[in-house]
C-alpha atoms as a PDB file:
ATOM      1  CA  UNK A   1      35.701  -5.330 -11.434  1.00  0.00           C
ATOM      2  CA  UNK A   2      35.336  -2.244  -9.299  1.00  0.00           C
ATOM      3  CA  UNK A   3      38.017  -0.118  -7.655  1.00  0.00           C
ATOM      4  CA  UNK A   4      37.296   1.592  -4.354  1.00  0.00           C
ATOM      5  CA  UNK A   5      39.365   4.134  -2.447  1.00  0.00           C
ATOM      6  CA  UNK A   6      39.014   3.671   1.305  1.00  0.00           C
ATOM      7  CA  UNK A   7      40.185   6.665   3.367  1.00  0.00           C
ATOM      8  CA  UNK A   8      40.436   7.156   7.122  1.00  0.00           C
ATOM      9  CA  UNK A   9      38.052   9.932   8.262  1.00  0.00           C
ATOM     10  CA  UNK A  10      39.298  10.385  11.824  1.00  0.00           C
ATOM     11  CA  UNK A  11      42.381   9.315  13.777  1.00  0.00           C
ATOM     12  CA  UNK A  12      42.272   6.460  16.270  1.00  0.00           C
ATOM     13  CA  UNK A  13      44.767   4.919  18.674  1.00  0.00           C
ATOM     14  CA  UNK A  14      44.106   1.579  20.386  1.00  0.00           C
ATOM     15  CA  UNK A  15      46.026  -1.596  21.254  1.00  0.00           C
ATOM     16  CA  UNK A  16      49.292   0.117  20.302  1.00  0.00           C
ATOM     17  CA  UNK A  17      48.018   0.726  16.758  1.00  0.00           C
ATOM     18  CA  UNK A  18      47.477   4.172  15.256  1.00  0.00           C
ATOM     19  CA  UNK A  19      45.749   5.434  12.133  1.00  0.00           C
ATOM     20  CA  UNK A  20      45.661   9.027  10.957  1.00  0.00           C
ATOM     21  CA  UNK A  21      43.130  10.989   8.966  1.00  0.00           C
ATOM     22  CA  UNK A  22      43.869  10.837   5.233  1.00  0.00           C
ATOM     23  CA  UNK A  23      45.484   7.390   5.152  1.00  0.00           C
ATOM     24  CA  UNK A  24      44.010   5.644   2.114  1.00  0.00           C
ATOM     25  CA  UNK A  25      44.184   2.398   0.180  1.00  0.00           C
ATOM     26  CA  UNK A  26      42.738   1.279  -3.148  1.00  0.00           C
ATOM     27  CA  UNK A  27      40.802  -1.985  -3.131  1.00  0.00           C
ATOM     28  CA  UNK A  28      39.926  -3.981  -6.253  1.00  0.00           C
ATOM     29  CA  UNK A  29      36.866  -6.197  -5.911  1.00  0.00           C
ATOM     30  CA  UNK A  30      34.625  -8.318  -8.119  1.00  0.00           C
ATOM     31  CA  UNK A  31      31.577  -7.050  -6.260  1.00  0.00           C
ATOM     32  CA  UNK A  32      29.910  -3.679  -6.725  1.00  0.00           C
ATOM     33  CA  UNK A  33      29.170  -3.539  -2.978  1.00  0.00           C
ATOM     34  CA  UNK A  34      31.068  -1.505  -0.417  1.00  0.00           C
ATOM     35  CA  UNK A  35      34.254  -3.502   0.421  1.00  0.00           C
ATOM     36  CA  UNK A  36      34.216  -2.300   4.055  1.00  0.00           C
ATOM     37  CA  UNK A  37      31.066  -4.338   4.756  1.00  0.00           C
ATOM     38  CA  UNK A  38      31.446  -7.116   2.148  1.00  0.00           C
ATOM     39  CA  UNK A  39      33.098 -10.359   3.366  1.00  0.00           C
ATOM     40  CA  UNK A  40      33.753  -8.800   6.756  1.00  0.00           C
ATOM     41  CA  UNK A  41      35.944  -6.152   5.117  1.00  0.00           C
ATOM     42  CA  UNK A  42      38.776  -8.614   4.543  1.00  0.00           C
ATOM     43  CA  UNK A  43      39.943  -6.905   1.328  1.00  0.00           C
ATOM     44  CA  UNK A  44      40.237  -3.600   3.210  1.00  0.00           C
ATOM     45  CA  UNK A  45      42.039  -5.253   6.148  1.00  0.00           C
ATOM     46  CA  UNK A  46      44.511  -6.872   3.736  1.00  0.00           C
ATOM     47  CA  UNK A  47      45.112  -3.593   1.891  1.00  0.00           C
ATOM     48  CA  UNK A  48      45.855  -1.622   5.083  1.00  0.00           C
ATOM     49  CA  UNK A  49      48.165  -4.400   6.280  1.00  0.00           C
ATOM     50  CA  UNK A  50      49.999  -4.486   2.934  1.00  0.00           C
ATOM     51  CA  UNK A  51      50.411  -0.709   2.576  1.00  0.00           C
ATOM     52  CA  UNK A  52      50.798   0.513   6.176  1.00  0.00           C
ATOM     53  CA  UNK A  53      51.384  -2.622   8.259  1.00  0.00           C
ATOM     54  CA  UNK A  54      48.288  -1.746  10.318  1.00  0.00           C
ATOM     55  CA  UNK A  55      45.596  -4.228  11.336  1.00  0.00           C
ATOM     56  CA  UNK A  56      42.517  -2.004  11.307  1.00  0.00           C
ATOM     57  CA  UNK A  57      40.284  -4.875  12.384  1.00  0.00           C
ATOM     58  CA  UNK A  58      42.278  -5.320  15.596  1.00  0.00           C
ATOM     59  CA  UNK A  59      42.217  -1.546  16.035  1.00  0.00           C
ATOM     60  CA  UNK A  60      38.425  -1.607  15.884  1.00  0.00           C
ATOM     61  CA  UNK A  61      38.275   0.874  13.014  1.00  0.00           C
ATOM     62  CA  UNK A  62      36.768  -1.385  10.356  1.00  0.00           C
ATOM     63  CA  UNK A  63      33.501   0.540  10.108  1.00  0.00           C
ATOM     64  CA  UNK A  64      32.004   3.383   8.159  1.00  0.00           C
ATOM     65  CA  UNK A  65      32.341   5.548  11.298  1.00  0.00           C
ATOM     66  CA  UNK A  66      36.117   5.661  10.709  1.00  0.00           C
ATOM     67  CA  UNK A  67      36.375   4.909   6.989  1.00  0.00           C
ATOM     68  CA  UNK A  68      35.080   6.670   3.881  1.00  0.00           C
ATOM     69  CA  UNK A  69      34.599   4.532   0.784  1.00  0.00           C
ATOM     70  CA  UNK A  70      34.350   5.936  -2.748  1.00  0.00           C
ATOM     71  CA  UNK A  71      34.144   4.036  -6.019  1.00  0.00           C
ATOM     72  CA  UNK A  72      36.830   5.351  -8.372  1.00  0.00           C
ATOM     73  CA  UNK A  73      36.645   2.852 -11.199  1.00  0.00           C
END
């Protein structure tokens, strides 16, 4: 199992949803691949919804342009 920390690189506001630089979530995955691009990023979407109540997929920020992903474990 791998643990990734996904952090917002730049703020974005769209569809009444807002994310700020520095917001981060930890994602645990069975894969060693980047969770932002694996399975359509569903693990990352679920983590942001659970922690912040933000749907980053609906916001259009589920991409490496807005998110930084680092393996921490």
